[in-house]
Amino acid sequence: MSSQRCQQLQELGQEHEEALAFADRIAGLVQAGSDDHLAEGIRLVQDYYYDELEEHLQHEEQTLFAALLEHGKEHLPLCMQLGKEHGFLRTVVAGLRLETARQDLSAFAEVLRKHTEFEDERFFPLVESLFTPAQLERVMHFKPMDTLPRRPA
């Protein structure tokens, strides 16, 4: 899908392709179902969150959501929906434990997949149609502030 994106959204599009593959991998571990598979799923989701996902979420929040609202208040419900889904993913990661891993990992994989597909099919095309070249450049040149959450010791 990322090959269809404008240049400024290529990186986010590539991260979305990786997110879809990751969601499938986690769903497969849940389906395998042993405690070892679930423990591996917890470890993989936590690694993914701290190494990639949180920065991706902040990238979208800081460069896409606010800029989209500059194009009209009618986009607020969409930004709120996507923000709630970001919050859900963060909440699941924060609460992962083996006792509830089957449900939590399954929910994480499902929401990650649906959220990513929605952004690819509806959100990114809207951004591409509305954003100015300057707004798109800010998306492409995003640098996270040094406030990303750190992996617990």
Protein backbone atom coordinates (compact mmCIF):
# COMPACT_ATOMS: atom_id res chain seq x y z
CA MET A 1 0.00 0.00 0.00
CA SER A 2 2.81 2.42 0.75
CA SER A 3 3.79 2.57 -2.94
CA GLN A 4 0.49 4.36 -3.60
CA ARG A 5 1.20 7.05 -1.02
CA CYS A 6 2.63 10.46 -1.66
CA GLN A 7 6.32 10.70 -0.88
CA GLN A 8 5.73 12.43 2.46
CA LEU A 9 3.59 9.53 3.75
CA GLN A 10 5.83 6.73 2.45
CA GLU A 11 7.49 6.06 5.81
CA LEU A 12 4.19 5.91 7.69
CA GLY A 13 2.79 3.68 4.94
CA GLN A 14 5.73 1.28 5.27
CA GLU A 15 5.24 1.19 9.03
CA HIS A 16 1.59 0.31 8.39
CA GLU A 17 2.58 -2.64 6.22
CA GLU A 18 4.82 -3.85 9.04
CA ALA A 19 2.02 -3.31 11.58
CA LEU A 20 -0.35 -5.50 9.57
CA ALA A 21 2.22 -8.30 9.39
CA PHE A 22 2.86 -7.91 13.12
CA ALA A 23 -0.87 -8.11 13.93
CA ASP A 24 -1.05 -11.37 11.97
CA ARG A 25 1.97 -12.73 13.85
CA ILE A 26 0.43 -11.94 17.24
CA ALA A 27 -2.93 -13.42 16.20
CA GLY A 28 -1.08 -16.59 15.20
CA LEU A 29 0.58 -16.86 18.60
CA VAL A 30 -2.79 -16.44 20.30
CA GLN A 31 -4.25 -19.15 18.08
CA ALA A 32 -1.34 -21.50 18.92
CA GLY A 33 -2.43 -20.89 22.49
CA SER A 34 0.20 -22.40 24.77
CA ASP A 35 1.54 -20.39 27.70
CA ASP A 36 4.90 -20.28 25.91
CA HIS A 37 3.27 -18.81 22.80
CA LEU A 38 1.38 -16.26 24.89
CA ALA A 39 4.52 -15.29 26.82
CA GLU A 40 6.31 -14.82 23.50
CA GLY A 41 3.41 -12.67 22.30
CA ILE A 42 3.67 -10.47 25.39
CA ARG A 43 7.41 -10.03 24.86
CA LEU A 44 6.98 -9.26 21.15
CA VAL A 45 4.20 -6.72 21.74
CA GLN A 46 6.17 -4.95 24.45
CA ASP A 47 9.29 -4.86 22.25
CA TYR A 48 7.26 -3.59 19.30
CA TYR A 49 5.61 -0.91 21.38
CA TYR A 50 8.82 0.49 22.89
CA ASP A 51 10.95 0.08 19.75
CA GLU A 52 8.48 1.25 17.10
CA LEU A 53 4.80 1.70 17.84
CA GLU A 54 4.84 4.55 20.36
CA GLU A 55 6.99 6.71 18.09
CA HIS A 56 4.64 5.92 15.18
CA LEU A 57 1.59 6.90 17.23
CA GLN A 58 3.19 10.15 18.30
CA HIS A 59 4.22 10.85 14.71
CA GLU A 60 0.59 10.63 13.62
CA GLU A 61 -0.72 12.58 16.60
CA GLN A 62 1.80 15.40 16.29
CA THR A 63 1.86 15.83 12.52
CA LEU A 64 -1.50 14.60 11.25
CA PHE A 65 -4.24 15.13 13.81
CA ALA A 66 -3.72 18.81 14.63
CA ALA A 67 -2.98 19.70 11.02
CA LEU A 68 -6.14 17.93 9.86
CA LEU A 69 -8.19 19.99 12.30
CA GLU A 70 -6.80 23.13 10.66
CA HIS A 71 -8.86 22.05 7.63
CA GLY A 72 -12.12 22.00 9.57
CA LYS A 73 -13.82 21.05 12.81
CA GLU A 74 -15.75 18.36 10.96
CA HIS A 75 -12.57 16.22 11.21
CA LEU A 76 -12.65 16.22 15.03
CA PRO A 77 -14.67 12.97 15.37
CA LEU A 78 -12.20 11.15 13.12
CA CYS A 79 -9.20 12.42 15.08
CA MET A 80 -10.92 11.49 18.35
CA GLN A 81 -11.68 7.97 17.08
CA LEU A 82 -8.09 7.40 15.97
CA GLY A 83 -6.77 8.90 19.21
CA LYS A 84 -8.97 6.57 21.28
CA GLU A 85 -7.62 3.61 19.33
CA HIS A 86 -4.06 4.80 19.99
CA GLY A 87 -4.95 5.01 23.68
CA PHE A 88 -6.44 1.52 23.64
CA LEU A 89 -3.24 0.06 22.17
CA ARG A 90 -1.16 1.84 24.83
CA THR A 91 -3.47 0.61 27.60
CA VAL A 92 -3.28 -3.00 26.46
CA VAL A 93 0.51 -2.88 26.38
CA ALA A 94 0.65 -1.37 29.87
CA GLY A 95 -1.54 -4.13 31.30
CA LEU A 96 -0.12 -7.22 29.58
CA ARG A 97 0.23 -10.24 31.84
CA LEU A 98 0.09 -13.96 31.23
CA GLU A 99 -3.22 -14.46 33.06
CA THR A 100 -5.12 -12.33 30.53
CA ALA A 101 -2.73 -12.62 27.59
CA ARG A 102 -5.08 -14.60 25.34
CA GLN A 103 -7.76 -11.88 25.43
CA ASP A 104 -5.38 -8.93 25.56
CA LEU A 105 -3.13 -10.07 22.72
CA SER A 106 -6.14 -10.98 20.61
CA ALA A 107 -7.68 -7.54 21.19
CA PHE A 108 -4.35 -5.82 20.49
CA ALA A 109 -3.92 -7.66 17.18
CA GLU A 110 -7.51 -7.01 16.11
CA VAL A 111 -7.48 -3.30 16.94
CA LEU A 112 -4.03 -2.81 15.42
CA ARG A 113 -5.20 -4.46 12.18
CA LYS A 114 -8.52 -2.60 11.91
CA HIS A 115 -6.98 0.73 12.93
CA THR A 116 -4.16 0.40 10.41
CA GLU A 117 -6.47 -0.65 7.59
CA PHE A 118 -8.79 2.26 8.35
CA GLU A 119 -5.93 4.74 8.29
CA ASP A 120 -4.66 3.31 5.00
CA GLU A 121 -8.06 3.26 3.32
CA ARG A 122 -9.68 6.41 4.69
CA PHE A 123 -7.39 8.61 6.80
CA PHE A 124 -4.27 8.81 4.60
CA PRO A 125 -6.27 9.57 1.42
CA LEU A 126 -8.02 12.39 3.30
CA VAL A 127 -4.68 13.76 4.48
CA GLU A 128 -3.26 13.58 0.96
CA SER A 129 -6.26 15.42 -0.46
CA LEU A 130 -6.27 18.25 2.10
CA PHE A 131 -2.74 18.89 3.35
CA THR A 132 -0.62 21.68 1.98
CA PRO A 133 2.91 20.92 0.78
CA ALA A 134 4.25 22.49 4.00
CA GLN A 135 2.04 20.25 6.16
CA LEU A 136 3.16 17.19 4.22
CA GLU A 137 6.80 18.21 4.66
CA ARG A 138 6.29 18.40 8.44
CA VAL A 139 4.92 14.85 8.33
CA MET A 140 7.93 13.61 6.40
CA HIS A 141 10.49 15.36 8.62
CA PHE A 142 9.01 14.42 12.00
CA LYS A 143 11.55 13.97 14.78
CA PRO A 144 10.24 12.68 18.11
CA MET A 145 10.90 14.72 21.18
CA ASP A 146 12.93 13.01 23.86
CA THR A 147 9.74 12.14 25.74
CA LEU A 148 9.09 8.67 24.36
CA PRO A 149 8.28 6.20 27.13
CA ARG A 150 11.20 4.09 28.26
CA ARG A 151 11.03 0.33 28.57
CA PRO A 152 10.54 -0.67 32.22
CA ALA A 153 13.62 -2.17 33.80
